[in-house]
Amino acid sequence: MRAYATNSAGTAYGNETSFTSAEQVIDIDGNVYNVVTIGTQDWLVENLKVTHYRNGDPIPNVTSAGDWELLSTGAYCNYDNLLSNGTTYGRLYNWYAVSDNRKIAPAGWHVPNDAEWNVLINFLGGVNIAGG
């Protein structure tokens, strides 16, 4: 979209800006996520399923527990290494993938930090009510 103004001198256009609808979000792999507003925060309704960083670089799928423990770079796996679990529950990412500057969250989104989780927990009634 872009804004414009028209007057006697003609029409002037602002810079083009893109945005994501708050109803659905699409990641680099084409996975579609619904969005829910809880309190003052917007959250994806389900866990990420992406297998590429936002710039298109692949995130390695590491299926060996031994290899996983030795990693110092980003990776993901599926629960029990079953592809169907990735589809159903989302993927599991190591900290290197989550904190990589290429980003795993869809454009306009980010992985929540501790402060954001605490806002959610407090809105839902505190740690004893919001899932401990």
Protein backbone atom coordinates (compact mmCIF):
# COMPACT_ATOMS: atom_id res chain seq x y z
CA MET A 1 0.00 0.00 0.00
CA ARG A 2 1.01 3.61 -0.23
CA ALA A 3 -0.57 6.87 0.78
CA TYR A 4 -1.32 9.69 -1.62
CA ALA A 5 -2.52 13.28 -1.51
CA THR A 6 -4.20 15.25 -4.26
CA ASN A 7 -4.46 19.03 -4.49
CA SER A 8 -4.38 21.74 -7.12
CA ALA A 9 -0.72 20.93 -7.83
CA GLY A 10 -1.55 17.30 -8.65
CA THR A 11 -1.14 13.98 -6.84
CA ALA A 12 1.85 12.99 -4.73
CA TYR A 13 2.49 9.41 -3.59
CA GLY A 14 4.23 8.22 -0.43
CA ASN A 15 6.60 5.29 -0.13
CA GLU A 16 5.21 1.82 -0.75
CA THR A 17 4.80 -0.17 2.46
CA SER A 18 3.87 -3.81 2.92
CA PHE A 19 2.15 -5.34 5.94
CA THR A 20 0.76 -8.63 7.13
CA SER A 21 -2.89 -9.05 8.01
CA ALA A 22 -3.45 -9.80 11.69
CA GLU A 23 -5.78 -12.65 10.75
CA GLN A 24 -3.23 -14.95 9.10
CA VAL A 25 0.53 -15.02 8.72
CA ILE A 26 2.52 -16.95 6.09
CA ASP A 27 6.14 -18.01 6.59
CA ILE A 28 8.91 -18.40 3.99
CA ASP A 29 7.85 -22.05 3.37
CA GLY A 30 4.20 -21.11 2.74
CA ASN A 31 2.88 -22.42 6.07
CA VAL A 32 -0.19 -20.45 7.16
CA TYR A 33 -0.70 -19.52 10.81
CA ASN A 34 -3.80 -18.05 12.39
CA VAL A 35 -3.40 -15.23 14.89
CA VAL A 36 -5.10 -14.65 18.24
CA THR A 37 -5.03 -11.53 20.39
CA ILE A 38 -4.58 -12.26 24.09
CA GLY A 39 -4.71 -9.12 26.19
CA THR A 40 -2.60 -6.58 24.32
CA GLN A 41 -0.48 -9.14 22.44
CA ASP A 42 -0.92 -10.94 19.12
CA TRP A 43 0.22 -14.59 19.10
CA LEU A 44 0.38 -17.28 16.45
CA VAL A 45 -2.19 -19.95 17.26
CA GLU A 46 0.27 -22.77 16.61
CA ASN A 47 3.98 -23.50 16.76
CA LEU A 48 6.32 -22.68 13.89
CA LYS A 49 6.77 -25.29 11.15
CA VAL A 50 9.33 -23.44 9.05
CA THR A 51 12.39 -25.23 7.65
CA HIS A 52 14.09 -22.13 6.21
CA TYR A 53 15.32 -18.90 7.69
CA ARG A 54 13.46 -15.78 6.59
CA ASN A 55 16.13 -15.10 3.93
CA GLY A 56 15.55 -18.55 2.35
CA ASP A 57 18.60 -20.33 3.77
CA PRO A 58 17.70 -23.87 4.90
CA ILE A 59 17.66 -24.78 8.57
CA PRO A 60 19.30 -28.21 8.86
CA ASN A 61 17.09 -31.08 10.04
CA VAL A 62 19.20 -32.94 12.61
CA THR A 63 17.71 -36.26 13.69
CA SER A 64 20.52 -37.76 15.80
CA ALA A 65 20.41 -36.91 19.52
CA GLY A 66 24.19 -37.23 19.67
CA ASP A 67 24.67 -34.81 16.79
CA TRP A 68 22.05 -32.44 18.26
CA GLU A 69 23.98 -32.13 21.52
CA LEU A 70 27.19 -31.20 19.69
CA LEU A 71 25.70 -28.48 17.50
CA SER A 72 26.90 -24.89 17.53
CA THR A 73 24.71 -23.85 14.58
CA GLY A 74 20.97 -23.68 13.99
CA ALA A 75 18.92 -26.83 13.49
CA TYR A 76 15.43 -28.23 13.84
CA CYS A 77 13.88 -31.63 14.33
CA ASN A 78 10.41 -33.12 14.60
CA TYR A 79 9.19 -34.72 17.81
CA ASP A 80 10.21 -38.41 17.68
CA ASN A 81 11.71 -37.54 14.26
CA LEU A 82 8.30 -38.12 12.64
CA LEU A 83 7.42 -35.74 9.81
CA SER A 84 3.74 -36.01 10.78
CA ASN A 85 4.59 -34.61 14.23
CA GLY A 86 6.15 -31.56 12.61
CA THR A 87 2.96 -31.02 10.65
CA THR A 88 0.73 -31.55 13.68
CA TYR A 89 2.73 -29.91 16.47
CA GLY A 90 5.29 -27.71 14.76
CA ARG A 91 9.05 -28.16 14.77
CA LEU A 92 11.58 -28.13 17.59
CA TYR A 93 14.43 -25.62 17.13
CA ASN A 94 17.68 -25.28 19.00
CA TRP A 95 18.74 -21.96 20.48
CA TYR A 96 21.15 -21.32 17.60
CA ALA A 97 18.24 -21.35 15.11
CA VAL A 98 16.02 -19.23 17.35
CA SER A 99 18.68 -16.57 17.93
CA ASP A 100 20.13 -16.55 14.38
CA ASN A 101 19.98 -13.08 12.79
CA ARG A 102 18.43 -14.63 9.65
CA LYS A 103 15.25 -15.13 11.77
CA ILE A 104 12.91 -18.11 11.85
CA ALA A 105 9.69 -16.20 12.51
CA PRO A 106 7.64 -14.91 9.57
CA ALA A 107 8.29 -11.34 8.39
CA GLY A 108 6.84 -8.86 10.86
CA TRP A 109 7.00 -11.40 13.70
CA HIS A 110 9.62 -12.59 16.18
CA VAL A 111 10.16 -15.34 18.71
CA PRO A 112 8.86 -13.96 22.03
CA ASN A 113 11.32 -13.06 24.76
CA ASP A 114 10.95 -13.70 28.51
CA ALA A 115 9.30 -10.33 29.16
CA GLU A 116 6.65 -11.02 26.50
CA TRP A 117 5.96 -14.48 27.94
CA ASN A 118 5.58 -12.90 31.39
CA VAL A 119 3.02 -10.40 30.07
CA LEU A 120 1.02 -13.34 28.69
CA ILE A 121 1.37 -15.37 31.90
CA ASN A 122 0.29 -12.43 34.05
CA PHE A 123 -2.67 -11.64 31.80
CA LEU A 124 -3.81 -15.26 32.11
CA GLY A 125 -3.74 -15.15 35.91
CA GLY A 126 -0.16 -15.91 36.87
CA VAL A 127 2.15 -18.89 36.67
CA ASN A 128 -0.06 -21.20 38.75
CA ILE A 129 -3.03 -20.71 36.45
CA ALA A 130 -1.32 -20.18 33.08
CA GLY A 131 0.18 -23.64 32.77
CA GLY A 132 2.93 -23.40 35.39
